[in-house]
Amino acid sequence: MKYEISASDISRNAAMLKENAVLLRSKAEKLIRRLHEVEATQHEVEINLEHTKATARTLHSKFLTPP
């Protein structure tokens, strides 16, 4: 079977590909921004966890360790 593709078909497909590329780039940029937000939140959680552990150690030594 022989397929014929017109110049207008090629042009239309090229325009659609370009539009899809723009959309994909936009989505990728949004995902990267979201990833940075998640990484920042993770860092904050890790800091809070370390503070909580330190507080727990302090409370344990003050109240649960025999004099």
PDB file of N, CA and C in Angstrom:
ATOM      1  N   MET A   1       0.836  -1.178   0.000  1.00  0.00           N
ATOM      2  CA  MET A   1       0.000   0.000   0.000  1.00  0.00           C
ATOM      3  C   MET A   1       0.883   1.243   0.000  1.00  0.00           C
ATOM      4  N   LYS A   2       0.469   2.204  -0.755  1.00  0.00           N
ATOM      5  CA  LYS A   2       1.235   3.442  -0.831  1.00  0.00           C
ATOM      6  C   LYS A   2       0.435   4.552  -0.165  1.00  0.00           C
ATOM      7  N   TYR A   3       1.099   5.275   0.717  1.00  0.00           N
ATOM      8  CA  TYR A   3       0.454   6.391   1.392  1.00  0.00           C
ATOM      9  C   TYR A   3       0.993   7.686   0.814  1.00  0.00           C
ATOM     10  N   GLU A   4       0.092   8.607   0.596  1.00  0.00           N
ATOM     11  CA  GLU A   4       0.505   9.924   0.132  1.00  0.00           C
ATOM     12  C   GLU A   4       0.220  10.929   1.230  1.00  0.00           C
ATOM     13  N   ILE A   5       1.217  11.718   1.506  1.00  0.00           N
ATOM     14  CA  ILE A   5       1.076  12.746   2.526  1.00  0.00           C
ATOM     15  C   ILE A   5       1.265  14.092   1.853  1.00  0.00           C
ATOM     16  N   SER A   6       0.282  14.933   2.038  1.00  0.00           N
ATOM     17  CA  SER A   6       0.347  16.252   1.410  1.00  0.00           C
ATOM     18  C   SER A   6       1.181  17.201   2.261  1.00  0.00           C
ATOM     19  N   ALA A   7       1.587  18.283   1.651  1.00  0.00           N
ATOM     20  CA  ALA A   7       2.351  19.310   2.364  1.00  0.00           C
ATOM     21  C   ALA A   7       1.522  19.892   3.504  1.00  0.00           C
ATOM     22  N   SER A   8       0.221  20.023   3.293  1.00  0.00           N
ATOM     23  CA  SER A   8      -0.633  20.566   4.359  1.00  0.00           C
ATOM     24  C   SER A   8      -0.721  19.590   5.534  1.00  0.00           C
ATOM     25  N   ASP A   9      -0.737  18.273   5.237  1.00  0.00           N
ATOM     26  CA  ASP A   9      -0.721  17.277   6.316  1.00  0.00           C
ATOM     27  C   ASP A   9       0.568  17.382   7.129  1.00  0.00           C
ATOM     28  N   ILE A  10       1.672  17.512   6.423  1.00  0.00           N
ATOM     29  CA  ILE A  10       2.967  17.641   7.096  1.00  0.00           C
ATOM     30  C   ILE A  10       2.994  18.907   7.938  1.00  0.00           C
ATOM     31  N   SER A  11       2.502  19.981   7.379  1.00  0.00           N
ATOM     32  CA  SER A  11       2.484  21.256   8.096  1.00  0.00           C
ATOM     33  C   SER A  11       1.600  21.172   9.338  1.00  0.00           C
ATOM     34  N   ARG A  12       0.432  20.562   9.193  1.00  0.00           N
ATOM     35  CA  ARG A  12      -0.491  20.409  10.317  1.00  0.00           C
ATOM     36  C   ARG A  12       0.134  19.527  11.401  1.00  0.00           C
ATOM     37  N   ASN A  13       0.749  18.426  10.991  1.00  0.00           N
ATOM     38  CA  ASN A  13       1.397  17.538  11.963  1.00  0.00           C
ATOM     39  C   ASN A  13       2.552  18.243  12.668  1.00  0.00           C
ATOM     40  N   ALA A  14       3.303  19.029  11.925  1.00  0.00           N
ATOM     41  CA  ALA A  14       4.414  19.773  12.524  1.00  0.00           C
ATOM     42  C   ALA A  14       3.893  20.773  13.549  1.00  0.00           C
ATOM     43  N   ALA A  15       2.797  21.432  13.235  1.00  0.00           N
ATOM     44  CA  ALA A  15       2.206  22.398  14.163  1.00  0.00           C
ATOM     45  C   ALA A  15       1.719  21.686  15.424  1.00  0.00           C
ATOM     46  N   MET A  16       1.112  20.519  15.259  1.00  0.00           N
ATOM     47  CA  MET A  16       0.638  19.756  16.414  1.00  0.00           C
ATOM     48  C   MET A  16       1.811  19.288  17.274  1.00  0.00           C
ATOM     49  N   LEU A  17       2.882  18.848  16.623  1.00  0.00           N
ATOM     50  CA  LEU A  17       4.062  18.415  17.369  1.00  0.00           C
ATOM     51  C   LEU A  17       4.667  19.570  18.153  1.00  0.00           C
ATOM     52  N   LYS A  18       4.712  20.741  17.520  1.00  0.00           N
ATOM     53  CA  LYS A  18       5.256  21.915  18.198  1.00  0.00           C
ATOM     54  C   LYS A  18       4.382  22.278  19.401  1.00  0.00           C
ATOM     55  N   GLU A  19       3.073  22.248  19.216  1.00  0.00           N
ATOM     56  CA  GLU A  19       2.144  22.551  20.310  1.00  0.00           C
ATOM     57  C   GLU A  19       2.316  21.549  21.452  1.00  0.00           C
ATOM     58  N   ASN A  20       2.441  20.267  21.109  1.00  0.00           N
ATOM     59  CA  ASN A  20       2.645  19.240  22.134  1.00  0.00           C
ATOM     60  C   ASN A  20       3.967  19.448  22.866  1.00  0.00           C
ATOM     61  N   ALA A  21       4.997  19.849  22.133  1.00  0.00           N
ATOM     62  CA  ALA A  21       6.295  20.103  22.758  1.00  0.00           C
ATOM     63  C   ALA A  21       6.197  21.254  23.754  1.00  0.00           C
ATOM     64  N   VAL A  22       5.463  22.293  23.391  1.00  0.00           N
ATOM     65  CA  VAL A  22       5.280  23.437  24.291  1.00  0.00           C
ATOM     66  C   VAL A  22       4.530  22.997  25.546  1.00  0.00           C
ATOM     67  N   LEU A  23       3.478  22.206  25.372  1.00  0.00           N
ATOM     68  CA  LEU A  23       2.708  21.714  26.520  1.00  0.00           C
ATOM     69  C   LEU A  23       3.556  20.819  27.421  1.00  0.00           C
ATOM     70  N   LEU A  24       4.339  19.936  26.809  1.00  0.00           N
ATOM     71  CA  LEU A  24       5.194  19.050  27.594  1.00  0.00           C
ATOM     72  C   LEU A  24       6.245  19.833  28.370  1.00  0.00           C
ATOM     73  N   ARG A  25       6.804  20.858  27.738  1.00  0.00           N
ATOM     74  CA  ARG A  25       7.800  21.680  28.426  1.00  0.00           C
ATOM     75  C   ARG A  25       7.168  22.382  29.629  1.00  0.00           C
ATOM     76  N   SER A  26       5.960  22.904  29.430  1.00  0.00           N
ATOM     77  CA  SER A  26       5.253  23.580  30.514  1.00  0.00           C
ATOM     78  C   SER A  26       4.992  22.613  31.667  1.00  0.00           C
ATOM     79  N   LYS A  27       4.545  21.413  31.344  1.00  0.00           N
ATOM     80  CA  LYS A  27       4.280  20.416  32.382  1.00  0.00           C
ATOM     81  C   LYS A  27       5.574  20.013  33.088  1.00  0.00           C
ATOM     82  N   ALA A  28       6.654  19.865  32.331  1.00  0.00           N
ATOM     83  CA  ALA A  28       7.943  19.511  32.930  1.00  0.00           C
ATOM     84  C   ALA A  28       8.413  20.604  33.884  1.00  0.00           C
ATOM     85  N   GLU A  29       8.253  21.862  33.488  1.00  0.00           N
ATOM     86  CA  GLU A  29       8.654  22.975  34.351  1.00  0.00           C
ATOM     87  C   GLU A  29       7.826  22.990  35.637  1.00  0.00           C
ATOM     88  N   LYS A  30       6.517  22.707  35.521  1.00  0.00           N
ATOM     89  CA  LYS A  30       5.664  22.648  36.712  1.00  0.00           C
ATOM     90  C   LYS A  30       6.092  21.504  37.629  1.00  0.00           C
ATOM     91  N   LEU A  31       6.418  20.356  37.034  1.00  0.00           N
ATOM     92  CA  LEU A  31       6.856  19.215  37.835  1.00  0.00           C
ATOM     93  C   LEU A  31       8.174  19.511  38.545  1.00  0.00           C
ATOM     94  N   ILE A  32       9.079  20.191  37.867  1.00  0.00           N
ATOM     95  CA  ILE A  32      10.362  20.543  38.477  1.00  0.00           C
ATOM     96  C   ILE A  32      10.147  21.504  39.639  1.00  0.00           C
ATOM     97  N   ARG A  33       9.271  22.501  39.443  1.00  0.00           N
ATOM     98  CA  ARG A  33       8.963  23.431  40.543  1.00  0.00           C
ATOM     99  C   ARG A  33       8.364  22.679  41.727  1.00  0.00           C
ATOM    100  N   ARG A  34       7.455  21.765  41.446  1.00  0.00           N
ATOM    101  CA  ARG A  34       6.816  20.982  42.517  1.00  0.00           C
ATOM    102  C   ARG A  34       7.844  20.107  43.229  1.00  0.00           C
ATOM    103  N   LEU A  35       8.758  19.523  42.464  1.00  0.00           N
ATOM    104  CA  LEU A  35       9.814  18.705  43.058  1.00  0.00           C
ATOM    105  C   LEU A  35      10.653  19.537  44.019  1.00  0.00           C
ATOM    106  N   HIS A  36      10.991  20.762  43.628  1.00  0.00           N
ATOM    107  CA  HIS A  36      11.766  21.637  44.508  1.00  0.00           C
ATOM    108  C   HIS A  36      10.986  21.958  45.784  1.00  0.00           C
ATOM    109  N   GLU A  37       9.681  22.170  45.651  1.00  0.00           N
ATOM    110  CA  GLU A  37       8.844  22.414  46.832  1.00  0.00           C
ATOM    111  C   GLU A  37       8.852  21.200  47.763  1.00  0.00           C
ATOM    112  N   VAL A  38       8.736  20.023  47.181  1.00  0.00           N
ATOM    113  CA  VAL A  38       8.723  18.792  47.978  1.00  0.00           C
ATOM    114  C   VAL A  38      10.071  18.598  48.668  1.00  0.00           C
ATOM    115  N   GLU A  39      11.154  18.868  47.948  1.00  0.00           N
ATOM    116  CA  GLU A  39      12.483  18.734  48.545  1.00  0.00           C
ATOM    117  C   GLU A  39      12.661  19.712  49.704  1.00  0.00           C
ATOM    118  N   ALA A  40      12.169  20.934  49.544  1.00  0.00           N
ATOM    119  CA  ALA A  40      12.262  21.929  50.619  1.00  0.00           C
ATOM    120  C   ALA A  40      11.450  21.479  51.829  1.00  0.00           C
ATOM    121  N   THR A  41      10.256  20.949  51.580  1.00  0.00           N
ATOM    122  CA  THR A  41       9.416  20.452  52.672  1.00  0.00           C
ATOM    123  C   THR A  41      10.089  19.276  53.368  1.00  0.00           C
ATOM    124  N   GLN A  42      10.672  18.390  52.593  1.00  0.00           N
ATOM    125  CA  GLN A  42      11.367  17.238  53.173  1.00  0.00           C
ATOM    126  C   GLN A  42      12.505  17.713  54.074  1.00  0.00           C
ATOM    127  N   HIS A  43      13.234  18.715  53.633  1.00  0.00           N
ATOM    128  CA  HIS A  43      14.332  19.256  54.433  1.00  0.00           C
ATOM    129  C   HIS A  43      13.802  19.826  55.753  1.00  0.00           C
ATOM    130  N   GLU A  44      12.699  20.558  55.687  1.00  0.00           N
ATOM    131  CA  GLU A  44      12.086  21.110  56.901  1.00  0.00           C
ATOM    132  C   GLU A  44      11.645  19.996  57.847  1.00  0.00           C
ATOM    133  N   VAL A  45      11.071  18.941  57.297  1.00  0.00           N
ATOM    134  CA  VAL A  45      10.622  17.808  58.114  1.00  0.00           C
ATOM    135  C   VAL A  45      11.824  17.148  58.794  1.00  0.00           C
ATOM    136  N   GLU A  46      12.920  16.989  58.059  1.00  0.00           N
ATOM    137  CA  GLU A  46      14.117  16.383  58.642  1.00  0.00           C
ATOM    138  C   GLU A  46      14.660  17.238  59.790  1.00  0.00           C
ATOM    139  N   ILE A  47      14.665  18.553  59.616  1.00  0.00           N
ATOM    140  CA  ILE A  47      15.117  19.460  60.679  1.00  0.00           C
ATOM    141  C   ILE A  47      14.199  19.340  61.891  1.00  0.00           C
ATOM    142  N   ASN A  48      12.885  19.347  61.648  1.00  0.00           N
ATOM    143  CA  ASN A  48      11.922  19.214  62.752  1.00  0.00           C
ATOM    144  C   ASN A  48      12.084  17.883  63.475  1.00  0.00           C
ATOM    145  N   LEU A  49      12.358  16.828  62.732  1.00  0.00           N
ATOM    146  CA  LEU A  49      12.568  15.516  63.342  1.00  0.00           C
ATOM    147  C   LEU A  49      13.785  15.543  64.258  1.00  0.00           C
ATOM    148  N   GLU A  50      14.867  16.154  63.802  1.00  0.00           N
ATOM    149  CA  GLU A  50      16.068  16.248  64.639  1.00  0.00           C
ATOM    150  C   GLU A  50      15.792  17.060  65.903  1.00  0.00           C
ATOM    151  N   HIS A  51      15.039  18.144  65.783  1.00  0.00           N
ATOM    152  CA  HIS A  51      14.674  18.941  66.962  1.00  0.00           C
ATOM    153  C   HIS A  51      13.807  18.124  67.917  1.00  0.00           C
ATOM    154  N   THR A  52      12.880  17.361  67.372  1.00  0.00           N
ATOM    155  CA  THR A  52      12.006  16.523  68.195  1.00  0.00           C
ATOM    156  C   THR A  52      12.815  15.457  68.926  1.00  0.00           C
ATOM    157  N   LYS A  53      13.756  14.844  68.225  1.00  0.00           N
ATOM    158  CA  LYS A  53      14.607  13.834  68.868  1.00  0.00           C
ATOM    159  C   LYS A  53      15.422  14.457  70.000  1.00  0.00           C
ATOM    160  N   ALA A  54      15.963  15.640  69.742  1.00  0.00           N
ATOM    161  CA  ALA A  54      16.756  16.321  70.773  1.00  0.00           C
ATOM    162  C   ALA A  54      15.885  16.655  71.980  1.00  0.00           C
ATOM    163  N   THR A  55      14.679  17.123  71.732  1.00  0.00           N
ATOM    164  CA  THR A  55      13.753  17.434  72.825  1.00  0.00           C
ATOM    165  C   THR A  55      13.403  16.169  73.603  1.00  0.00           C
ATOM    166  N   ALA A  56      13.160  15.084  72.897  1.00  0.00           N
ATOM    167  CA  ALA A  56      12.830  13.814  73.556  1.00  0.00           C
ATOM    168  C   ALA A  56      13.990  13.352  74.427  1.00  0.00           C
ATOM    169  N   ARG A  57      15.222  13.476  73.942  1.00  0.00           N
ATOM    170  CA  ARG A  57      16.387  13.081  74.741  1.00  0.00           C
ATOM    171  C   ARG A  57      16.492  13.947  75.999  1.00  0.00           C
ATOM    172  N   THR A  58      16.268  15.252  75.819  1.00  0.00           N
ATOM    173  CA  THR A  58      16.333  16.168  76.965  1.00  0.00           C
ATOM    174  C   THR A  58      15.274  15.819  77.994  1.00  0.00           C
ATOM    175  N   LEU A  59      14.043  15.622  77.547  1.00  0.00           N
ATOM    176  CA  LEU A  59      12.957  15.281  78.473  1.00  0.00           C
ATOM    177  C   LEU A  59      13.218  13.945  79.157  1.00  0.00           C
ATOM    178  N   HIS A  60      13.724  13.001  78.397  1.00  0.00           N
ATOM    179  CA  HIS A  60      14.016  11.683  78.970  1.00  0.00           C
ATOM    180  C   HIS A  60      15.071  11.807  80.060  1.00  0.00           C
ATOM    181  N   SER A  61      16.123  12.560  79.781  1.00  0.00           N
ATOM    182  CA  SER A  61      17.189  12.684  80.779  1.00  0.00           C
ATOM    183  C   SER A  61      16.737  13.477  81.997  1.00  0.00           C
ATOM    184  N   LYS A  62      15.829  14.417  81.824  1.00  0.00           N
ATOM    185  CA  LYS A  62      15.357  15.229  82.954  1.00  0.00           C
ATOM    186  C   LYS A  62      14.348  14.489  83.818  1.00  0.00           C
ATOM    187  N   PHE A  63      13.456  13.733  83.188  1.00  0.00           N
ATOM    188  CA  PHE A  63      12.322  13.181  83.930  1.00  0.00           C
ATOM    189  C   PHE A  63      12.330  11.667  84.094  1.00  0.00           C
ATOM    190  N   LEU A  64      13.065  10.955  83.278  1.00  0.00           N
ATOM    191  CA  LEU A  64      12.997   9.495  83.350  1.00  0.00           C
ATOM    192  C   LEU A  64      14.295   8.859  83.828  1.00  0.00           C
ATOM    193  N   THR A  65      15.330   9.653  83.947  1.00  0.00           N
ATOM    194  CA  THR A  65      16.589   9.116  84.442  1.00  0.00           C
ATOM    195  C   THR A  65      16.613   9.282  85.961  1.00  0.00           C
ATOM    196  N   PRO A  66      16.923   8.202  86.691  1.00  0.00           N
ATOM    197  CA  PRO A  66      16.964   8.321  88.155  1.00  0.00           C
ATOM    198  C   PRO A  66      18.049   9.318  88.581  1.00  0.00           C
ATOM    199  N   PRO A  67      17.801  10.034  89.674  1.00  0.00           N
ATOM    200  CA  PRO A  67      18.777  11.031  90.138  1.00  0.00           C
ATOM    201  C   PRO A  67      20.066  10.390  90.632  1.00  0.00           C
TER     202      PRO A  67
END
